[in-house]
């Protein structure tokens, strides 16, 4: 089960082939269908120039979630309670 809550994007009440993912109130990424290339593109506002694609919507969502988990691992020492900062 994903930790990301997906919401379908809409314009003027019309649903789009784009879904935006949130963790709490923070937007962590989106997946959108590229009809000309026939695949789903994922991207994230958390880091510039990070994106990927998958043959299905679910594949793109999974790829985004795997990238996000890997990227967040870099911040583990910061969020661990009582941990000492790494030596310089």
Protein backbone atom coordinates (compact mmCIF):
# COMPACT_ATOMS: atom_id res chain seq x y z
CA UNK A 1 0.00 0.00 0.00
CA UNK A 2 1.35 3.39 -1.02
CA UNK A 3 1.99 6.13 1.51
CA UNK A 4 1.14 8.63 -1.20
CA UNK A 5 -2.45 9.85 -1.58
CA UNK A 6 -3.23 10.31 -5.26
CA UNK A 7 -5.75 12.87 -6.49
CA UNK A 8 -6.88 13.17 -10.09
CA UNK A 9 -6.20 16.61 -11.50
CA UNK A 10 -9.10 18.52 -13.05
CA UNK A 11 -9.58 21.65 -15.14
CA UNK A 12 -13.01 23.31 -15.09
CA UNK A 13 -14.40 20.14 -13.54
CA UNK A 14 -13.06 17.92 -16.34
CA UNK A 15 -10.83 15.06 -15.13
CA UNK A 16 -7.37 14.91 -16.72
CA UNK A 17 -4.97 12.03 -17.31
CA UNK A 18 -2.81 13.54 -14.56
CA UNK A 19 -2.68 12.56 -10.92
CA UNK A 20 -0.97 14.53 -8.16
CA UNK A 21 0.50 12.73 -5.16
CA UNK A 22 0.49 14.09 -1.62
CA UNK A 23 1.94 12.98 1.69
CA UNK A 24 -0.16 14.92 4.15
CA UNK A 25 -0.42 18.41 2.70
CA UNK A 26 2.91 18.23 0.82
CA UNK A 27 2.84 17.62 -2.93
CA UNK A 28 5.52 15.00 -3.61
CA UNK A 29 4.96 14.28 -7.28
CA UNK A 30 2.68 13.72 -10.22
CA UNK A 31 2.11 11.26 -13.02
CA UNK A 32 0.66 12.30 -16.36
CA UNK A 33 -0.10 10.46 -19.58
CA UNK A 34 1.94 11.43 -22.64
CA UNK A 35 -0.36 10.48 -25.49
CA UNK A 36 2.17 11.13 -28.26
CA UNK A 37 4.67 8.69 -26.75
CA UNK A 38 2.09 6.45 -25.06
CA UNK A 39 3.63 6.30 -21.62
CA UNK A 40 3.17 7.82 -18.19
CA UNK A 41 5.67 10.43 -17.01
CA UNK A 42 6.38 10.99 -13.33
CA UNK A 43 8.01 14.09 -11.85
CA UNK A 44 8.49 15.71 -8.48
CA UNK A 45 8.62 19.33 -7.31
CA UNK A 46 11.08 18.30 -4.57
CA UNK A 47 14.14 18.31 -6.82
CA UNK A 48 14.81 19.96 -10.16
CA UNK A 49 15.16 17.87 -13.30
CA UNK A 50 14.04 14.61 -11.73
CA UNK A 51 11.56 12.61 -13.76
CA UNK A 52 11.01 9.21 -15.27
CA UNK A 53 8.42 7.18 -17.08
CA UNK A 54 6.54 3.91 -17.07
CA UNK A 55 4.40 1.97 -19.51
CA UNK A 56 1.39 2.22 -17.19
CA UNK A 57 0.11 4.68 -14.63
CA UNK A 58 0.86 2.23 -11.80
CA UNK A 59 4.42 1.67 -13.06
CA UNK A 60 5.05 5.42 -13.07
CA UNK A 61 3.59 5.78 -9.57
CA UNK A 62 5.79 2.94 -8.30
CA UNK A 63 8.90 4.44 -9.91
CA UNK A 64 8.17 7.80 -8.27
CA UNK A 65 7.66 6.16 -4.89
CA UNK A 66 10.93 4.20 -5.19
CA UNK A 67 12.83 7.34 -6.16
CA UNK A 68 11.24 9.29 -3.29
CA UNK A 69 12.13 6.63 -0.70
CA UNK A 70 15.72 6.55 -1.95
CA UNK A 71 16.01 10.35 -1.96
CA UNK A 72 14.51 10.69 1.52
CA UNK A 73 17.04 8.16 2.87
CA UNK A 74 19.64 10.92 2.53
CA UNK A 75 17.80 12.86 5.23
CA UNK A 76 17.52 10.01 7.78
CA UNK A 77 20.29 11.35 10.09
CA UNK A 78 18.55 14.71 10.27
CA UNK A 79 15.22 13.23 11.33
CA UNK A 80 16.49 10.64 13.79
CA UNK A 81 15.87 11.83 17.33
CA UNK A 82 18.98 12.20 19.46
CA UNK A 83 21.42 11.49 16.65
CA UNK A 84 24.66 13.35 16.42
CA UNK A 85 25.40 15.30 13.24
CA UNK A 86 27.82 13.49 10.91
CA UNK A 87 31.49 14.48 11.29
CA UNK A 88 32.64 17.18 8.89
